């Protein structure tokens, strides 16, 4: 028997740390970790101890005899990974990165502020608490009344197993020395300079929430929307709950073919019965129930081997009930015939799966998703609103790097549609008091230490983690290694006496926050909101019914007498 990593692997590598035979790869210390779409268990090395399954925060690791229908192919996926010659020479024991020895260089115990409460922030918090610094005190700041960031407002509502990673994050709130300041916006209620006066160090882990633009004519027509707006709408983000989307057309086009693009396509085509068992926002559920959309075209600029979606996402989409997943056989054959490089094991599996999909006749399901490749958006067509998308066909070209380069052809076509969702990636936005690299949409940093671009020197006490540090890449768990590296740098600086001691204490912070934000909420207040949402959902057999309005959240957290 062997254990198998299945969808949805969160990549946080909790399993790697407990494996006694180093059979799970790539590990955070291995070069491919930052690029991998999931982790893999070597069936020839696994000793069936089950430690990895116990450690997995989202129950994505199961023994091979317990695989359910739709997950059996993960046996093939795990085995394929280690059959690839590039993945056969892993060492028998992983190098362990030792924590720095923390000496007491300051009479004040280490105090750290973490801006954000999403995955990168929570993983950073875990590292701070486990750093060995004596009497460590940690404060989270979140502009919304609810924590968990991307997990609550970015993960698709029908991916509840992925959302369960918050159970691990929730344990942070109960730890001694941890404080949550919810409904507090840095830059509005507290400045960057005020944070530095109260803490040895500030870690910015605020994510990257703004969409990249296409830069084509018609991009701002009515009916053309960035994916972040649509995702925040159906996930009940307070900033997006009041948006509206015209779903009266029969065809929508999603530009981009990453995981978010597949999420959007699946939500647009899923049946009401499926969505009604999730924590999708009620307003979105009502609108989607009346939707006339029967087809969604997912458009990729490159070929299937270079598609940005992960294998688990494609497998999940192929298994979705009531949806035909369609790929033109001629399209796949022509792409395969012109391929110039040998794909990785993951890319090869995705290509085989697409071949299978292309060879499967449509079942006649009421909804369908069409995957198209080698097509670039050229213009969103319409006068007052979207009428069609004009696309330019591409062809694969040889690339010195072997990355699947494409070149445009002189062939164009129009895809009639009434809705366009642009899902071509995210970027961060500037933060008051911090330098910002507009080209990358990130805060300039050296291993997590924020850098002044004018001098190249690190700024004492200021750090960053997650997407605002490295750009929007990787899955939830990839933030674990990213946060670990940042906190390692922070602890080294503290141990060496390089962090200025705070001049104001926790009591002064509490007084300042009470003055600036009377509606501040604590972690206990969030637990009240959490319990309310779960209780409201029980009779409907849903995981939760989200509150989507800040005032409603405040009323639940602190009801008036």
Protein backbone atom coordinates (compact mmCIF):
# COMPACT_ATOMS: atom_id res chain seq x y z
CA UNK A 1 0.00 0.00 0.00
CA UNK A 2 1.09 3.57 -0.63
CA UNK A 3 -0.29 6.96 0.26
CA UNK A 4 -1.37 9.31 -2.52
CA UNK A 5 -1.56 13.10 -2.71
CA UNK A 6 -4.89 14.05 -4.29
CA UNK A 7 -6.78 17.18 -5.21
CA UNK A 8 -6.61 19.71 -3.73
CA UNK A 9 -3.01 19.62 -2.50
CA UNK A 10 -2.31 22.88 -0.68
CA UNK A 11 1.51 22.59 -1.06
CA UNK A 12 2.19 23.83 2.47
CA UNK A 13 4.60 20.89 2.98
CA UNK A 14 3.32 19.89 6.43
CA UNK A 15 3.55 16.33 5.13
CA UNK A 16 7.20 16.74 4.11
CA UNK A 17 8.25 17.63 7.63
CA UNK A 18 6.89 14.41 9.13
CA UNK A 19 7.87 11.90 6.42
CA UNK A 20 10.58 9.60 7.91
CA UNK A 21 11.88 8.41 4.51
CA UNK A 22 11.78 11.63 2.47
CA UNK A 23 9.40 10.22 -0.15
CA UNK A 24 7.40 13.43 -0.73
CA UNK A 25 8.74 15.84 -3.33
CA UNK A 26 9.56 18.48 -4.21
CA UNK A 27 10.33 19.67 -0.70
CA UNK A 28 10.58 23.39 0.14
CA UNK A 29 14.38 23.04 -0.02
CA UNK A 30 14.33 21.69 -3.58
CA UNK A 31 14.48 23.88 -6.65
CA UNK A 32 11.19 22.77 -8.22
CA UNK A 33 9.09 23.53 -5.13
CA UNK A 34 8.23 27.10 -6.12
CA UNK A 35 7.04 25.92 -9.55
CA UNK A 36 5.26 22.68 -8.72
CA UNK A 37 1.47 22.46 -9.04
CA UNK A 38 1.23 19.88 -6.24
CA UNK A 39 3.38 17.55 -4.15
CA UNK A 40 3.96 13.89 -5.03
CA UNK A 41 4.55 10.70 -3.01
CA UNK A 42 7.01 8.21 -4.45
CA UNK A 43 5.16 4.85 -4.46
CA UNK A 44 8.46 2.96 -4.45
CA UNK A 45 9.73 4.66 -1.31
CA UNK A 46 6.57 5.16 0.78
CA UNK A 47 6.58 2.87 3.86
CA UNK A 48 2.85 3.22 4.59
CA UNK A 49 3.31 4.93 7.97
CA UNK A 50 0.46 7.42 7.45
CA UNK A 51 2.28 10.32 9.12
CA UNK A 52 1.73 12.51 6.05
CA UNK A 53 -2.03 11.91 6.09
CA UNK A 54 -2.21 12.87 9.76
CA UNK A 55 -0.26 16.09 9.10
CA UNK A 56 -2.19 17.23 6.00
CA UNK A 57 -4.32 20.26 6.98
CA UNK A 58 -6.95 19.63 4.28
CA UNK A 59 -7.14 15.80 4.25
CA UNK A 60 -5.78 15.57 0.70
CA UNK A 61 -3.56 12.51 1.39
CA UNK A 62 -5.23 9.10 1.41
CA UNK A 63 -4.11 5.46 1.17
CA UNK A 64 -4.42 3.96 -2.30
CA UNK A 65 -7.19 1.58 -1.22
CA UNK A 66 -9.32 4.54 -0.11
CA UNK A 67 -9.30 6.46 -3.40
CA UNK A 68 -12.80 7.38 -4.50
CA UNK A 69 -14.25 7.55 -7.98
CA UNK A 70 -12.68 10.51 -9.74
CA UNK A 71 -9.46 10.38 -7.69
CA UNK A 72 -8.02 7.05 -8.89
CA UNK A 73 -5.94 8.84 -11.51
CA UNK A 74 -3.82 10.41 -8.80
CA UNK A 75 -2.05 7.06 -8.53
CA UNK A 76 -1.00 7.56 -12.14
CA UNK A 77 -0.09 11.20 -11.57
CA UNK A 78 2.13 10.43 -8.56
CA UNK A 79 3.84 7.53 -10.33
CA UNK A 80 4.35 9.56 -13.54
CA UNK A 81 6.14 12.26 -11.61
CA UNK A 82 8.85 9.89 -10.40
CA UNK A 83 9.11 8.16 -13.78
CA UNK A 84 10.29 11.47 -15.24
CA UNK A 85 14.12 11.27 -15.39
CA UNK A 86 14.39 14.77 -13.93
CA UNK A 87 12.68 13.58 -10.74
CA UNK A 88 14.51 10.32 -9.98
CA UNK A 89 17.57 11.54 -8.13
CA UNK A 90 16.13 13.03 -4.95
CA UNK A 91 18.36 12.57 -1.88
CA UNK A 92 17.44 10.02 0.75
CA UNK A 93 17.26 12.68 3.43
CA UNK A 94 16.22 16.32 3.07
CA UNK A 95 18.43 19.10 4.29
CA UNK A 96 16.91 20.67 7.35
CA UNK A 97 17.04 24.43 7.60
CA UNK A 98 17.98 25.24 11.17
CA UNK A 99 16.42 28.18 12.94
CA UNK A 100 18.82 30.89 14.09
CA UNK A 101 19.66 30.90 17.76
CA UNK A 102 17.68 33.72 19.32
CA UNK A 103 19.53 35.61 21.97
CA UNK A 104 17.98 38.27 24.17
CA UNK A 105 19.51 41.45 22.79
CA UNK A 106 16.75 43.78 23.97
CA UNK A 107 14.94 44.19 27.27
CA UNK A 108 11.70 44.28 25.26
CA UNK A 109 10.46 40.82 24.09
CA UNK A 110 10.02 40.53 20.33
CA UNK A 111 6.85 42.28 19.14
CA UNK A 112 5.74 41.76 15.53
CA UNK A 113 2.88 43.28 13.54
CA UNK A 114 1.53 41.30 10.58
CA UNK A 115 -0.59 43.21 8.07
CA UNK A 116 -3.16 40.85 6.60
CA UNK A 117 -4.73 37.60 7.78
CA UNK A 118 -4.55 35.48 4.61
CA UNK A 119 -2.37 32.39 4.10
CA UNK A 120 0.97 34.22 3.87
CA UNK A 121 0.16 36.20 7.02
CA UNK A 122 -0.95 33.13 8.97
CA UNK A 123 2.06 31.06 7.94
CA UNK A 124 4.27 33.97 8.98
CA UNK A 125 2.47 34.05 12.31
CA UNK A 126 3.12 30.36 12.87
CA UNK A 127 6.81 30.92 12.17
CA UNK A 128 7.03 33.88 14.54
CA UNK A 129 5.36 31.93 17.33
CA UNK A 130 7.71 28.99 16.77
CA UNK A 131 10.84 31.11 16.41
CA UNK A 132 12.12 30.55 19.92
CA UNK A 133 12.17 34.26 20.71
CA UNK A 134 11.31 34.62 24.44
CA UNK A 135 7.97 36.21 25.27
CA UNK A 136 7.12 36.87 21.62
CA UNK A 137 4.03 39.02 21.03
CA UNK A 138 2.27 39.09 17.67
CA UNK A 139 -0.50 41.36 16.35
CA UNK A 140 -2.52 40.77 13.16
CA UNK A 141 -4.18 43.72 11.44
CA UNK A 142 -7.02 43.18 8.96
CA UNK A 143 -9.13 45.88 7.27
CA UNK A 144 -12.19 43.59 7.12
CA UNK A 145 -14.17 42.26 10.10
CA UNK A 146 -13.34 38.69 9.03
CA UNK A 147 -9.93 36.98 8.71
CA UNK A 148 -8.42 34.42 6.27
CA UNK A 149 -8.18 36.64 3.18
CA UNK A 150 -7.74 34.60 0.00
CA UNK A 151 -9.18 31.45 1.56
CA UNK A 152 -12.50 33.11 2.43
CA UNK A 153 -12.75 35.41 -0.59
CA UNK A 154 -10.63 33.78 -3.32
CA UNK A 155 -11.01 30.00 -3.12
CA UNK A 156 -14.04 28.83 -5.09
CA UNK A 157 -17.09 28.04 -2.92
CA UNK A 158 -17.26 24.45 -4.20
CA UNK A 159 -13.69 23.81 -3.00
CA UNK A 160 -14.60 23.39 0.66
CA UNK A 161 -11.78 20.91 1.27
CA UNK A 162 -9.26 23.61 0.32
CA UNK A 163 -11.00 26.10 2.62
CA UNK A 164 -10.51 23.71 5.55
CA UNK A 165 -6.92 24.96 5.83
CA UNK A 166 -8.42 27.73 7.98
CA UNK A 167 -8.89 25.14 10.74
CA UNK A 168 -5.10 25.16 11.11
CA UNK A 169 -4.98 28.95 10.95
CA UNK A 170 -7.68 29.21 13.62
CA UNK A 171 -5.37 27.65 16.18
CA UNK A 172 -3.16 30.73 15.94
CA UNK A 173 -5.93 32.87 17.42
CA UNK A 174 -5.91 30.84 20.62
CA UNK A 175 -2.15 31.09 21.15
CA UNK A 176 -0.83 33.15 24.03
CA UNK A 177 0.69 36.41 22.86
CA UNK A 178 -1.46 36.61 19.71
CA UNK A 179 -3.82 39.53 19.08
CA UNK A 180 -6.20 40.13 16.16
CA UNK A 181 -7.24 43.69 15.28
CA UNK A 182 -10.02 43.27 12.73
CA UNK A 183 -11.81 46.07 10.87
CA UNK A 184 -8.60 48.12 11.13
CA UNK A 185 -7.07 49.56 7.97
CA UNK A 186 -3.38 50.42 7.89
CA UNK A 187 -2.98 53.81 6.24
CA UNK A 188 -6.33 54.94 7.60
CA UNK A 189 -6.54 53.98 11.27
CA UNK A 190 -2.80 53.50 11.78
CA UNK A 191 0.16 54.72 9.76
CA UNK A 192 3.26 52.77 8.86
CA UNK A 193 5.32 55.03 11.10
CA UNK A 194 2.99 54.40 14.05
CA UNK A 195 3.36 50.66 13.58
CA UNK A 196 7.14 50.95 13.77
CA UNK A 197 6.79 52.91 17.01
CA UNK A 198 4.90 49.99 18.61
CA UNK A 199 6.73 46.98 17.15
CA UNK A 200 10.22 45.67 16.51
CA UNK A 201 9.11 44.53 13.06
CA UNK A 202 6.19 44.83 10.64
CA UNK A 203 5.46 42.11 8.05
CA UNK A 204 3.28 43.18 5.13
CA UNK A 205 1.37 40.18 3.76
CA UNK A 206 -1.48 41.94 1.99
CA UNK A 207 -1.60 39.91 -1.23
CA UNK A 208 -2.15 41.06 -4.80
CA UNK A 209 -5.80 41.78 -5.54
CA UNK A 210 -5.91 43.89 -8.68
CA UNK A 211 -6.21 42.37 -12.16
CA UNK A 212 -3.73 42.98 -14.92
CA UNK A 213 -5.15 44.72 -17.95
CA UNK A 214 -5.28 43.38 -21.50
CA UNK A 215 -4.63 46.70 -23.21
CA UNK A 216 -6.98 45.99 -26.12
CA UNK A 217 -9.87 48.02 -27.61
CA UNK A 218 -13.22 47.51 -25.90
CA UNK A 219 -11.76 46.32 -22.61
CA UNK A 220 -14.00 48.66 -20.61
CA UNK A 221 -17.25 47.94 -22.45
CA UNK A 222 -20.26 47.01 -20.33
CA UNK A 223 -20.18 43.24 -19.94
CA UNK A 224 -16.37 43.08 -19.74
CA UNK A 225 -15.13 42.47 -16.19
CA UNK A 226 -11.91 41.57 -14.39
CA UNK A 227 -11.97 38.13 -12.79
CA UNK A 228 -11.28 39.59 -9.33
CA UNK A 229 -14.60 41.47 -9.45
CA UNK A 230 -16.51 38.32 -10.36
CA UNK A 231 -14.72 36.17 -7.78
CA UNK A 232 -15.26 38.70 -4.98
CA UNK A 233 -18.95 38.91 -6.00
CA UNK A 234 -19.69 35.21 -5.81
CA UNK A 235 -17.53 34.78 -2.69
CA UNK A 236 -19.33 37.54 -0.78
CA UNK A 237 -16.47 40.02 -0.33
CA UNK A 238 -17.93 43.22 1.16
CA UNK A 239 -16.24 45.25 -1.56
CA UNK A 240 -17.86 43.18 -4.30
CA UNK A 241 -21.24 42.16 -2.95
CA UNK A 242 -23.06 45.10 -4.56
CA UNK A 243 -21.73 44.47 -8.06
CA UNK A 244 -23.99 43.01 -10.73
CA UNK A 245 -23.31 40.88 -13.80
CA UNK A 246 -25.59 40.47 -16.79
CA UNK A 247 -26.02 36.72 -17.19
CA UNK A 248 -28.78 36.93 -19.80
CA UNK A 249 -26.53 35.93 -22.73
CA UNK A 250 -25.99 32.35 -23.90
CA UNK A 251 -22.19 32.43 -24.23
CA UNK A 252 -19.45 33.88 -22.03
CA UNK A 253 -15.71 33.97 -22.70
CA UNK A 254 -13.06 33.71 -20.00
CA UNK A 255 -9.71 35.10 -21.17
CA UNK A 256 -6.87 33.17 -19.55
CA UNK A 257 -6.61 29.53 -18.55
CA UNK A 258 -5.26 29.45 -15.02
CA UNK A 259 -7.04 27.96 -12.02
CA UNK A 260 -9.09 31.12 -11.46
CA UNK A 261 -10.27 31.00 -15.08
CA UNK A 262 -11.45 27.41 -14.61
CA UNK A 263 -13.14 28.38 -11.32
CA UNK A 264 -15.04 31.16 -13.08
CA UNK A 265 -16.09 28.88 -15.95
CA UNK A 266 -17.25 26.18 -13.54
CA UNK A 267 -19.25 28.59 -11.37
CA UNK A 268 -20.96 30.03 -14.47
CA UNK A 269 -22.05 26.58 -15.65
CA UNK A 270 -22.67 24.65 -12.41
CA UNK A 271 -26.18 23.56 -11.56
CA UNK A 272 -28.11 25.18 -8.75
CA UNK A 273 -28.14 21.95 -6.75
CA UNK A 274 -24.34 21.85 -6.74
CA UNK A 275 -23.86 25.50 -5.80
CA UNK A 276 -26.58 25.44 -3.15
CA UNK A 277 -24.45 23.03 -1.09
CA UNK A 278 -21.57 25.53 -0.89
CA UNK A 279 -20.88 28.82 0.89
CA UNK A 280 -21.42 30.88 -2.27
CA UNK A 281 -22.94 34.29 -1.49
CA UNK A 282 -26.74 34.24 -1.53
CA UNK A 283 -26.98 37.11 -4.02
CA UNK A 284 -24.74 35.20 -6.44
CA UNK A 285 -26.72 32.00 -5.98
CA UNK A 286 -29.93 33.82 -6.84
CA UNK A 287 -28.42 35.48 -9.92
CA UNK A 288 -26.82 32.26 -11.20
CA UNK A 289 -30.12 30.39 -10.76
CA UNK A 290 -31.64 32.77 -13.34
CA UNK A 291 -28.60 32.70 -15.66
CA UNK A 292 -29.13 31.97 -19.38
CA UNK A 293 -25.47 31.12 -19.99
CA UNK A 294 -25.13 27.65 -21.51
CA UNK A 295 -21.56 27.82 -22.86
CA UNK A 296 -18.31 29.23 -21.55
CA UNK A 297 -15.23 29.43 -23.78
CA UNK A 298 -11.92 29.42 -21.90
CA UNK A 299 -9.26 31.06 -24.03
CA UNK A 300 -5.53 30.30 -23.75
CA UNK A 301 -2.78 32.18 -25.59
CA UNK A 302 -0.43 29.20 -25.69
CA UNK A 303 -0.80 25.43 -26.11
CA UNK A 304 -2.19 22.87 -23.64
CA UNK A 305 1.27 21.89 -22.37
CA UNK A 306 1.78 25.50 -21.25
CA UNK A 307 -1.70 26.01 -19.75
CA UNK A 308 -1.54 27.63 -16.32
CA UNK A 309 -4.26 25.53 -14.69
CA UNK A 310 -3.12 22.62 -12.55
CA UNK A 311 -3.83 18.94 -13.12
CA UNK A 312 -6.24 18.70 -10.15
CA UNK A 313 -8.28 21.62 -11.49
CA UNK A 314 -8.54 20.05 -14.95
CA UNK A 315 -9.47 16.66 -13.50
CA UNK A 316 -12.13 18.27 -11.33
CA UNK A 317 -13.58 20.14 -14.28
CA UNK A 318 -13.66 16.99 -16.41
CA UNK A 319 -15.60 15.20 -13.67
CA UNK A 320 -18.13 18.00 -13.05
CA UNK A 321 -21.73 16.84 -13.29
CA UNK A 322 -24.09 18.41 -15.81
CA UNK A 323 -21.26 20.00 -17.80
CA UNK A 324 -19.71 18.83 -21.05
CA UNK A 325 -16.01 19.69 -21.26
CA UNK A 326 -15.19 20.16 -24.94
CA UNK A 327 -11.87 20.29 -26.79
CA UNK A 328 -11.68 20.33 -30.59
CA UNK A 329 -9.77 17.14 -31.64
CA UNK A 330 -8.26 18.92 -34.64
CA UNK A 331 -7.02 21.69 -32.35
CA UNK A 332 -5.24 19.23 -30.05
CA UNK A 333 -3.77 17.25 -32.96
CA UNK A 334 -2.34 20.34 -34.65
CA UNK A 335 -0.86 21.58 -31.40
CA UNK A 336 0.72 18.20 -30.70
CA UNK A 337 2.15 18.01 -34.17
CA UNK A 338 3.92 21.35 -33.80
CA UNK A 339 5.23 20.87 -30.26
CA UNK A 340 8.99 21.47 -30.13
CA UNK A 341 9.94 20.51 -26.57
CA UNK A 342 9.52 17.50 -24.28
CA UNK A 343 6.92 18.41 -21.65
CA UNK A 344 7.25 17.79 -17.93
CA UNK A 345 5.38 14.87 -16.35
CA UNK A 346 2.56 17.19 -15.23
CA UNK A 347 2.27 18.84 -18.65
CA UNK A 348 2.35 15.45 -20.39
CA UNK A 349 -0.46 14.16 -18.19
CA UNK A 350 -2.57 17.25 -18.90
CA UNK A 351 -1.99 16.76 -22.63
CA UNK A 352 -3.07 13.10 -22.40
CA UNK A 353 -6.15 14.09 -20.47
CA UNK A 354 -7.02 16.69 -23.12
CA UNK A 355 -6.62 14.01 -25.79
CA UNK A 356 -9.13 11.88 -23.88
CA UNK A 357 -11.54 14.79 -23.52
CA UNK A 358 -11.24 15.63 -27.21
CA UNK A 359 -12.02 12.00 -28.13
CA UNK A 360 -15.10 11.84 -25.89
CA UNK A 361 -18.35 12.80 -27.61
CA UNK A 362 -20.42 15.42 -25.75
CA UNK A 363 -23.11 13.85 -23.57
CA UNK A 364 -25.70 16.49 -24.35
CA UNK A 365 -25.44 18.08 -20.90
CA UNK A 366 -27.29 21.40 -20.52
CA UNK A 367 -24.08 23.37 -20.05
CA UNK A 368 -20.65 23.13 -21.66
CA UNK A 369 -17.17 24.53 -21.25
CA UNK A 370 -14.96 24.80 -24.32
CA UNK A 371 -11.18 24.88 -23.87
CA UNK A 372 -9.45 26.73 -26.70
CA UNK A 373 -5.72 27.22 -27.15
CA UNK A 374 -3.34 29.31 -29.24
CA UNK A 375 -5.79 32.22 -29.29
CA UNK A 376 -5.03 35.79 -28.18
CA UNK A 377 -7.70 38.43 -27.55
CA UNK A 378 -7.39 41.27 -30.07
CA UNK A 379 -10.53 43.34 -29.44
CA UNK A 380 -13.71 43.21 -27.40
CA UNK A 381 -16.35 44.10 -29.97
CA UNK A 382 -19.48 46.15 -29.32
CA UNK A 383 -20.91 49.65 -29.22
CA UNK A 384 -22.46 50.15 -25.80
CA UNK A 385 -21.83 46.64 -24.50
CA UNK A 386 -20.00 43.39 -25.34
CA UNK A 387 -21.19 41.70 -28.53
CA UNK A 388 -18.21 39.50 -29.41
CA UNK A 389 -14.53 38.87 -28.81
CA UNK A 390 -12.16 39.11 -31.77
CA UNK A 391 -9.23 36.70 -31.39
CA UNK A 392 -5.99 36.20 -33.25
CA UNK A 393 -4.79 32.66 -33.81
CA UNK A 394 -1.26 31.76 -32.74
CA UNK A 395 1.11 28.93 -33.55
CA UNK A 396 3.79 27.26 -31.50
CA UNK A 397 7.36 28.33 -32.19
CA UNK A 398 10.74 27.07 -31.13
CA UNK A 399 12.12 28.75 -28.03
CA UNK A 400 15.77 28.70 -26.84
CA UNK A 401 14.44 28.30 -23.28
CA UNK A 402 12.04 25.53 -24.26
CA UNK A 403 9.10 27.38 -22.73
CA UNK A 404 6.59 26.94 -25.51
CA UNK A 405 6.84 30.29 -27.27
CA UNK A 406 4.05 31.32 -29.65
CA UNK A 407 3.91 33.62 -32.64
CA UNK A 408 0.80 35.32 -34.04
CA UNK A 409 -0.60 34.39 -37.42
CA UNK A 410 -2.66 36.49 -39.82
CA UNK A 411 -5.85 34.57 -38.98
CA UNK A 412 -8.60 36.25 -36.94
CA UNK A 413 -12.08 35.20 -35.90
CA UNK A 414 -14.94 36.49 -33.77
CA UNK A 415 -16.56 34.61 -30.91
CA UNK A 416 -20.07 35.91 -30.26
CA UNK A 417 -20.66 36.45 -26.56
CA UNK A 418 -22.36 38.79 -24.12
CA UNK A 419 -19.97 38.45 -21.18
CA UNK A 420 -16.16 38.58 -21.03
CA UNK A 421 -14.23 37.79 -17.86
CA UNK A 422 -10.56 38.79 -17.98
CA UNK A 423 -8.43 36.37 -15.94
CA UNK A 424 -4.82 37.04 -16.92
CA UNK A 425 -3.22 37.45 -13.52
CA UNK A 426 -3.09 39.72 -10.49
CA UNK A 427 -0.79 42.46 -9.28
CA UNK A 428 -0.21 44.23 -6.00
CA UNK A 429 -0.85 47.92 -5.31
CA UNK A 430 1.31 50.53 -3.54
CA UNK A 431 1.22 50.71 0.26
CA UNK A 432 1.54 53.99 2.11
CA UNK A 433 5.01 54.41 3.58
CA UNK A 434 6.60 51.57 1.58
CA UNK A 435 8.56 51.51 -1.68
CA UNK A 436 6.82 49.85 -4.62
CA UNK A 437 7.99 48.32 -7.89
CA UNK A 438 5.32 49.23 -10.42
CA UNK A 439 6.76 46.92 -13.07
CA UNK A 440 6.32 43.79 -10.95
CA UNK A 441 3.48 44.98 -8.71
CA UNK A 442 5.48 44.02 -5.61
CA UNK A 443 7.30 45.60 -2.67
CA UNK A 444 11.07 45.56 -3.39
CA UNK A 445 12.75 43.13 -1.04
CA UNK A 446 15.76 40.92 -0.47
CA UNK A 447 14.59 37.59 0.93
CA UNK A 448 11.67 39.32 2.64
CA UNK A 449 13.61 42.32 3.96
CA UNK A 450 12.10 45.44 2.36
CA UNK A 451 14.67 47.37 0.35
CA UNK A 452 14.93 51.08 -0.41
CA UNK A 453 15.32 51.07 -4.22
CA UNK A 454 17.11 54.42 -4.14
CA UNK A 455 19.99 53.14 -2.01
CA UNK A 456 19.68 49.36 -2.21
CA UNK A 457 19.78 49.21 1.60
CA UNK A 458 17.29 47.22 3.64
CA UNK A 459 14.84 49.21 5.77
CA UNK A 460 15.21 48.14 9.43
CA UNK A 461 12.17 46.40 10.87
CA UNK A 462 10.14 46.19 7.63
CA UNK A 463 9.42 42.86 5.93
CA UNK A 464 7.06 41.34 3.39
CA UNK A 465 5.63 37.91 2.57
CA UNK A 466 3.29 36.30 0.06
CA UNK A 467 2.18 37.69 -3.27
CA UNK A 468 3.07 41.29 -2.44
CA UNK A 469 6.63 39.96 -1.88
CA UNK A 470 7.11 37.59 -4.83
CA UNK A 471 4.18 38.26 -7.19
CA UNK A 472 1.03 36.17 -7.71
CA UNK A 473 2.44 32.67 -8.00
CA UNK A 474 1.90 29.27 -6.45
CA UNK A 475 -0.88 27.80 -4.37
CA UNK A 476 -1.93 28.50 -0.80
CA UNK A 477 0.76 26.29 0.69
CA UNK A 478 3.59 27.86 -1.30
CA UNK A 479 3.17 30.81 1.04
CA UNK A 480 4.48 28.61 3.84
CA UNK A 481 8.04 28.50 2.53
CA UNK A 482 7.84 32.15 1.51
CA UNK A 483 6.77 33.15 5.03
CA UNK A 484 9.39 30.90 6.61
CA UNK A 485 12.17 32.65 4.69
CA UNK A 486 10.88 36.08 5.68
CA UNK A 487 10.56 35.24 9.37
CA UNK A 488 13.98 33.60 9.37
CA UNK A 489 15.42 36.91 8.15
CA UNK A 490 13.45 38.81 10.79
CA UNK A 491 14.58 36.55 13.64
CA UNK A 492 18.19 36.74 12.49
CA UNK A 493 17.97 40.54 12.57
CA UNK A 494 16.40 40.49 16.03
CA UNK A 495 18.98 38.03 17.36
CA UNK A 496 21.77 40.28 16.08
CA UNK A 497 20.26 43.41 17.64
CA UNK A 498 19.50 45.07 14.31
CA UNK A 499 15.85 45.90 15.01
CA UNK A 500 15.04 49.22 16.68
CA UNK A 501 13.20 48.66 19.97
CA UNK A 502 9.58 49.91 20.02
CA UNK A 503 9.11 53.17 21.89
CA UNK A 504 5.45 52.57 22.78
CA UNK A 505 3.87 49.55 24.49
CA UNK A 506 0.76 47.42 23.92
CA UNK A 507 -1.39 49.55 26.20
CA UNK A 508 -0.54 52.63 24.14
CA UNK A 509 -1.50 50.71 20.99
CA UNK A 510 -4.84 49.68 22.46
CA UNK A 511 -5.62 53.27 23.45
CA UNK A 512 -4.70 54.59 20.01
CA UNK A 513 -6.82 51.96 18.23
CA UNK A 514 -9.83 52.65 20.47
CA UNK A 515 -9.55 56.32 19.60
CA UNK A 516 -9.10 55.83 15.84
CA UNK A 517 -11.50 52.91 15.25
CA UNK A 518 -14.37 52.49 17.74
CA UNK A 519 -15.65 49.53 15.67
CA UNK A 520 -12.49 47.47 16.06
CA UNK A 521 -13.16 43.72 16.41
CA UNK A 522 -11.18 41.02 18.18
CA UNK A 523 -10.66 37.35 17.38
CA UNK A 524 -13.45 36.55 19.85
CA UNK A 525 -15.75 38.84 17.86
CA UNK A 526 -14.83 36.96 14.66
CA UNK A 527 -15.70 33.65 16.36
CA UNK A 528 -19.15 35.09 17.06
CA UNK A 529 -19.58 35.96 13.37
CA UNK A 530 -18.27 32.53 12.38
CA UNK A 531 -20.73 30.73 14.66
CA UNK A 532 -23.61 32.88 13.38
CA UNK A 533 -22.83 32.06 9.74
CA UNK A 534 -22.53 28.34 10.44
CA UNK A 535 -25.73 28.24 12.49
CA UNK A 536 -27.68 30.05 9.76
CA UNK A 537 -26.55 27.41 7.25
CA UNK A 538 -27.40 24.24 9.18
CA UNK A 539 -31.03 23.90 8.16
CA UNK A 540 -29.99 24.43 4.53
CA UNK A 541 -27.19 21.82 4.77
CA UNK A 542 -24.58 24.34 3.74
CA UNK A 543 -21.16 24.97 5.36
CA UNK A 544 -22.04 28.60 6.08
CA UNK A 545 -24.19 31.48 4.86
CA UNK A 546 -21.86 34.43 4.62
CA UNK A 547 -22.57 37.88 5.90
CA UNK A 548 -21.52 40.18 3.07
CA UNK A 549 -22.10 43.60 4.64
CA UNK A 550 -19.74 45.16 7.18
CA UNK A 551 -22.55 46.71 9.21
CA UNK A 552 -24.29 43.33 9.43
CA UNK A 553 -21.05 41.76 10.64
CA UNK A 554 -20.64 44.44 13.30
CA UNK A 555 -24.24 43.98 14.44
CA UNK A 556 -23.70 40.25 14.91
CA UNK A 557 -20.30 40.60 16.59
CA UNK A 558 -21.41 43.26 19.04
CA UNK A 559 -25.21 43.48 19.22
CA UNK A 560 -26.63 46.55 20.86
CA UNK A 561 -28.36 46.02 24.18
